[in-house]
N, C-alpha and C. Protein backbone atom coordinates (compact mmCIF):
# COMPACT_ATOMS: atom_id res chain seq x y z
N MET A 1 0.99 -12.11 -0.97
CA MET A 1 -0.44 -12.09 -1.08
C MET A 1 -0.87 -11.62 -2.46
N ARG A 2 -0.18 -10.61 -2.98
CA ARG A 2 -0.54 -10.12 -4.31
C ARG A 2 -0.35 -11.21 -5.35
N ARG A 3 0.75 -11.91 -5.27
CA ARG A 3 1.02 -12.98 -6.24
C ARG A 3 -0.05 -14.07 -6.16
N LEU A 4 -0.42 -14.45 -4.95
CA LEU A 4 -1.45 -15.47 -4.79
C LEU A 4 -2.79 -14.99 -5.36
N THR A 5 -3.10 -13.74 -5.11
CA THR A 5 -4.35 -13.19 -5.63
C THR A 5 -4.33 -13.16 -7.15
N LEU A 6 -3.20 -12.73 -7.74
CA LEU A 6 -3.08 -12.73 -9.20
C LEU A 6 -3.17 -14.14 -9.77
N ALA A 7 -2.72 -15.13 -9.01
CA ALA A 7 -2.76 -16.53 -9.47
C ALA A 7 -4.15 -17.14 -9.31
N GLY A 8 -5.09 -16.38 -8.73
CA GLY A 8 -6.44 -16.88 -8.58
C GLY A 8 -6.69 -17.67 -7.32
N ALA A 9 -5.82 -17.52 -6.32
CA ALA A 9 -5.95 -18.30 -5.09
C ALA A 9 -6.98 -17.73 -4.13
N GLY A 10 -7.54 -16.58 -4.43
CA GLY A 10 -8.54 -15.99 -3.54
C GLY A 10 -8.52 -14.48 -3.61
N ILE A 11 -9.12 -13.88 -2.59
CA ILE A 11 -9.15 -12.42 -2.52
C ILE A 11 -8.24 -11.94 -1.40
N ALA A 12 -7.86 -10.68 -1.47
CA ALA A 12 -6.96 -10.12 -0.45
C ALA A 12 -7.24 -8.64 -0.30
N GLN A 13 -6.97 -8.12 0.88
CA GLN A 13 -7.01 -6.69 1.11
C GLN A 13 -5.57 -6.20 1.05
N LEU A 14 -5.25 -5.45 -0.01
CA LEU A 14 -3.89 -5.00 -0.24
C LEU A 14 -3.87 -3.49 -0.38
N SER A 15 -2.72 -2.91 -0.16
CA SER A 15 -2.56 -1.47 -0.33
C SER A 15 -2.66 -1.10 -1.79
N LEU A 16 -3.20 0.06 -2.05
CA LEU A 16 -3.37 0.53 -3.41
C LEU A 16 -2.03 0.60 -4.15
N PHE A 17 -0.97 1.03 -3.44
CA PHE A 17 0.32 1.14 -4.12
C PHE A 17 0.83 -0.21 -4.58
N GLN A 18 0.36 -1.30 -3.96
CA GLN A 18 0.79 -2.64 -4.36
C GLN A 18 0.07 -3.13 -5.62
N VAL A 19 -1.15 -2.65 -5.84
CA VAL A 19 -1.98 -3.24 -6.89
C VAL A 19 -2.49 -2.25 -7.93
N GLN A 20 -2.12 -0.99 -7.84
CA GLN A 20 -2.67 0.02 -8.75
C GLN A 20 -2.49 -0.37 -10.21
N GLU A 21 -1.29 -0.81 -10.58
CA GLU A 21 -1.05 -1.20 -11.97
C GLU A 21 -1.93 -2.38 -12.38
N ASN A 22 -2.07 -3.37 -11.49
CA ASN A 22 -2.91 -4.53 -11.79
C ASN A 22 -4.37 -4.15 -11.92
N LEU A 23 -4.83 -3.19 -11.15
CA LEU A 23 -6.20 -2.70 -11.27
C LEU A 23 -6.39 -1.95 -12.59
N THR A 24 -5.41 -1.13 -12.94
CA THR A 24 -5.49 -0.33 -14.16
C THR A 24 -5.60 -1.20 -15.40
N VAL A 25 -4.84 -2.28 -15.46
CA VAL A 25 -4.84 -3.14 -16.65
C VAL A 25 -5.89 -4.25 -16.57
N GLY A 26 -6.61 -4.32 -15.46
CA GLY A 26 -7.69 -5.30 -15.35
C GLY A 26 -7.30 -6.67 -14.87
N LYS A 27 -6.06 -6.84 -14.40
CA LYS A 27 -5.65 -8.14 -13.85
C LYS A 27 -6.31 -8.42 -12.52
N LEU A 28 -6.63 -7.36 -11.79
CA LEU A 28 -7.37 -7.47 -10.53
C LEU A 28 -8.58 -6.54 -10.61
N VAL A 29 -9.63 -6.91 -9.90
CA VAL A 29 -10.82 -6.05 -9.83
C VAL A 29 -11.18 -5.87 -8.35
N PRO A 30 -11.66 -4.70 -8.00
CA PRO A 30 -12.08 -4.50 -6.61
C PRO A 30 -13.35 -5.30 -6.30
N VAL A 31 -13.38 -5.91 -5.13
CA VAL A 31 -14.57 -6.62 -4.64
C VAL A 31 -14.81 -6.21 -3.20
N LEU A 32 -16.02 -6.35 -2.75
CA LEU A 32 -16.39 -6.04 -1.36
C LEU A 32 -15.95 -4.63 -0.96
N GLU A 33 -16.11 -3.68 -1.88
CA GLU A 33 -15.63 -2.32 -1.64
C GLU A 33 -16.28 -1.66 -0.43
N ARG A 34 -17.50 -2.00 -0.15
CA ARG A 34 -18.14 -1.33 0.98
C ARG A 34 -17.54 -1.77 2.32
N PHE A 35 -16.74 -2.84 2.30
CA PHE A 35 -16.06 -3.30 3.50
C PHE A 35 -14.59 -2.88 3.53
N ALA A 36 -14.15 -2.14 2.52
CA ALA A 36 -12.75 -1.74 2.43
C ALA A 36 -12.40 -0.75 3.52
N ALA A 37 -11.17 -0.81 3.96
CA ALA A 37 -10.67 0.10 5.00
C ALA A 37 -10.08 1.34 4.32
N TRP A 38 -10.94 2.28 3.94
CA TRP A 38 -10.46 3.47 3.23
C TRP A 38 -9.85 4.50 4.17
N GLU A 39 -10.04 4.32 5.44
CA GLU A 39 -9.43 5.26 6.38
C GLU A 39 -7.92 5.07 6.34
N PRO A 40 -7.17 6.17 6.48
CA PRO A 40 -5.70 6.03 6.47
C PRO A 40 -5.23 5.06 7.56
N GLN A 41 -4.26 4.24 7.22
CA GLN A 41 -3.71 3.27 8.14
C GLN A 41 -2.34 3.75 8.60
N THR A 42 -2.04 3.55 9.85
CA THR A 42 -0.74 3.93 10.39
C THR A 42 0.31 2.91 9.97
N VAL A 43 1.44 3.41 9.53
CA VAL A 43 2.56 2.54 9.15
C VAL A 43 3.77 2.96 9.98
N HIS A 44 4.43 1.97 10.56
CA HIS A 44 5.64 2.24 11.35
C HIS A 44 6.83 1.61 10.63
N ALA A 45 7.86 2.39 10.40
CA ALA A 45 9.09 1.86 9.82
C ALA A 45 10.11 1.79 10.95
N VAL A 46 10.52 0.58 11.28
CA VAL A 46 11.44 0.37 12.40
C VAL A 46 12.74 -0.23 11.89
N PHE A 47 13.85 0.36 12.29
CA PHE A 47 15.16 -0.18 11.94
C PHE A 47 15.85 -0.60 13.22
N MET A 48 16.25 -1.87 13.29
CA MET A 48 16.91 -2.40 14.48
C MET A 48 18.37 -2.71 14.13
N GLY A 49 19.20 -1.68 14.12
CA GLY A 49 20.62 -1.86 13.81
C GLY A 49 21.43 -2.06 15.07
N PRO A 50 22.72 -2.35 14.92
CA PRO A 50 23.58 -2.60 16.07
C PRO A 50 23.89 -1.34 16.89
N ASN A 51 23.62 -0.17 16.31
CA ASN A 51 23.86 1.08 17.04
C ASN A 51 22.83 2.11 16.60
N ARG A 52 23.00 3.34 16.98
CA ARG A 52 22.02 4.38 16.67
C ARG A 52 22.18 4.94 15.26
N TYR A 53 23.23 4.56 14.56
CA TYR A 53 23.48 5.05 13.20
C TYR A 53 22.48 4.41 12.23
N ILE A 54 21.82 5.23 11.43
CA ILE A 54 20.90 4.73 10.41
C ILE A 54 21.60 4.83 9.05
N PRO A 55 21.84 3.70 8.40
CA PRO A 55 22.51 3.74 7.10
C PRO A 55 21.72 4.58 6.08
N GLN A 56 22.43 5.18 5.17
CA GLN A 56 21.80 6.04 4.17
C GLN A 56 20.72 5.29 3.37
N ARG A 57 20.95 4.04 3.02
CA ARG A 57 19.97 3.28 2.24
C ARG A 57 18.66 3.10 3.02
N VAL A 58 18.75 2.96 4.34
CA VAL A 58 17.55 2.84 5.16
C VAL A 58 16.82 4.19 5.22
N ARG A 59 17.57 5.28 5.40
CA ARG A 59 16.99 6.62 5.43
C ARG A 59 16.26 6.94 4.12
N VAL A 60 16.88 6.57 2.99
CA VAL A 60 16.26 6.80 1.67
C VAL A 60 14.98 6.00 1.55
N PHE A 61 15.00 4.75 2.00
CA PHE A 61 13.81 3.90 1.94
C PHE A 61 12.69 4.46 2.80
N VAL A 62 12.98 4.90 4.00
CA VAL A 62 11.96 5.47 4.88
C VAL A 62 11.39 6.75 4.27
N ASP A 63 12.25 7.58 3.69
CA ASP A 63 11.77 8.79 3.02
C ASP A 63 10.85 8.44 1.85
N TYR A 64 11.22 7.40 1.10
CA TYR A 64 10.39 6.93 -0.02
C TYR A 64 9.01 6.48 0.49
N LEU A 65 9.00 5.69 1.55
CA LEU A 65 7.73 5.24 2.12
C LEU A 65 6.86 6.42 2.55
N ALA A 66 7.48 7.36 3.24
CA ALA A 66 6.73 8.52 3.73
C ALA A 66 6.11 9.30 2.58
N ALA A 67 6.85 9.51 1.52
CA ALA A 67 6.35 10.27 0.39
C ALA A 67 5.26 9.51 -0.37
N ASN A 68 5.46 8.22 -0.58
CA ASN A 68 4.52 7.45 -1.39
C ASN A 68 3.28 7.02 -0.63
N LEU A 69 3.42 6.70 0.64
CA LEU A 69 2.23 6.32 1.40
C LEU A 69 1.35 7.53 1.67
N GLN A 70 1.94 8.68 1.80
CA GLN A 70 1.15 9.88 1.99
C GLN A 70 0.32 10.15 0.74
N SER A 71 0.90 10.04 -0.44
CA SER A 71 0.14 10.28 -1.66
C SER A 71 -0.89 9.19 -1.87
N ASP A 72 -0.62 7.97 -1.39
CA ASP A 72 -1.57 6.87 -1.49
C ASP A 72 -2.83 7.18 -0.69
N SER A 73 -2.69 7.79 0.49
CA SER A 73 -3.87 8.11 1.29
C SER A 73 -4.72 9.15 0.60
N GLN A 74 -4.11 10.04 -0.18
CA GLN A 74 -4.87 11.03 -0.92
C GLN A 74 -5.66 10.33 -2.03
N ILE A 75 -5.06 9.33 -2.67
CA ILE A 75 -5.76 8.56 -3.69
C ILE A 75 -6.95 7.84 -3.07
N CYS A 76 -6.74 7.20 -1.90
CA CYS A 76 -7.83 6.50 -1.24
C CYS A 76 -8.96 7.45 -0.88
N GLY A 77 -8.61 8.63 -0.44
CA GLY A 77 -9.63 9.63 -0.13
C GLY A 77 -10.46 9.98 -1.34
N ASP A 78 -9.80 10.11 -2.52
CA ASP A 78 -10.51 10.39 -3.75
C ASP A 78 -11.44 9.24 -4.11
N MET A 79 -10.97 7.99 -3.94
CA MET A 79 -11.78 6.84 -4.27
C MET A 79 -12.98 6.73 -3.33
N LYS A 80 -12.77 7.05 -2.06
CA LYS A 80 -13.86 6.96 -1.08
C LYS A 80 -14.97 7.92 -1.45
N SER A 81 -14.63 9.14 -1.85
CA SER A 81 -15.65 10.12 -2.17
C SER A 81 -16.35 9.79 -3.49
N ALA A 82 -15.70 9.00 -4.35
CA ALA A 82 -16.29 8.66 -5.65
C ALA A 82 -17.30 7.53 -5.54
N SER A 83 -17.22 6.71 -4.49
CA SER A 83 -18.12 5.55 -4.38
C SER A 83 -19.39 5.85 -3.65
């Protein structure tokens, strides 16, 4: 979706972590902000492996998501109060 939006194919509602750099450099601009979903969104990370063992690479990825999505919600909160 981000690639299509950058190519000019239309508009999209994307997570801030996906587009922050593009917003900063002006490749994308926010539109329809009053309709944006600034409330925190629930994200579920599900791993369906052959057994109960979670590989280290999956654990690291889930930890990364947890740390970065949490900070993203703080950014959204700051943006909501600024508008």
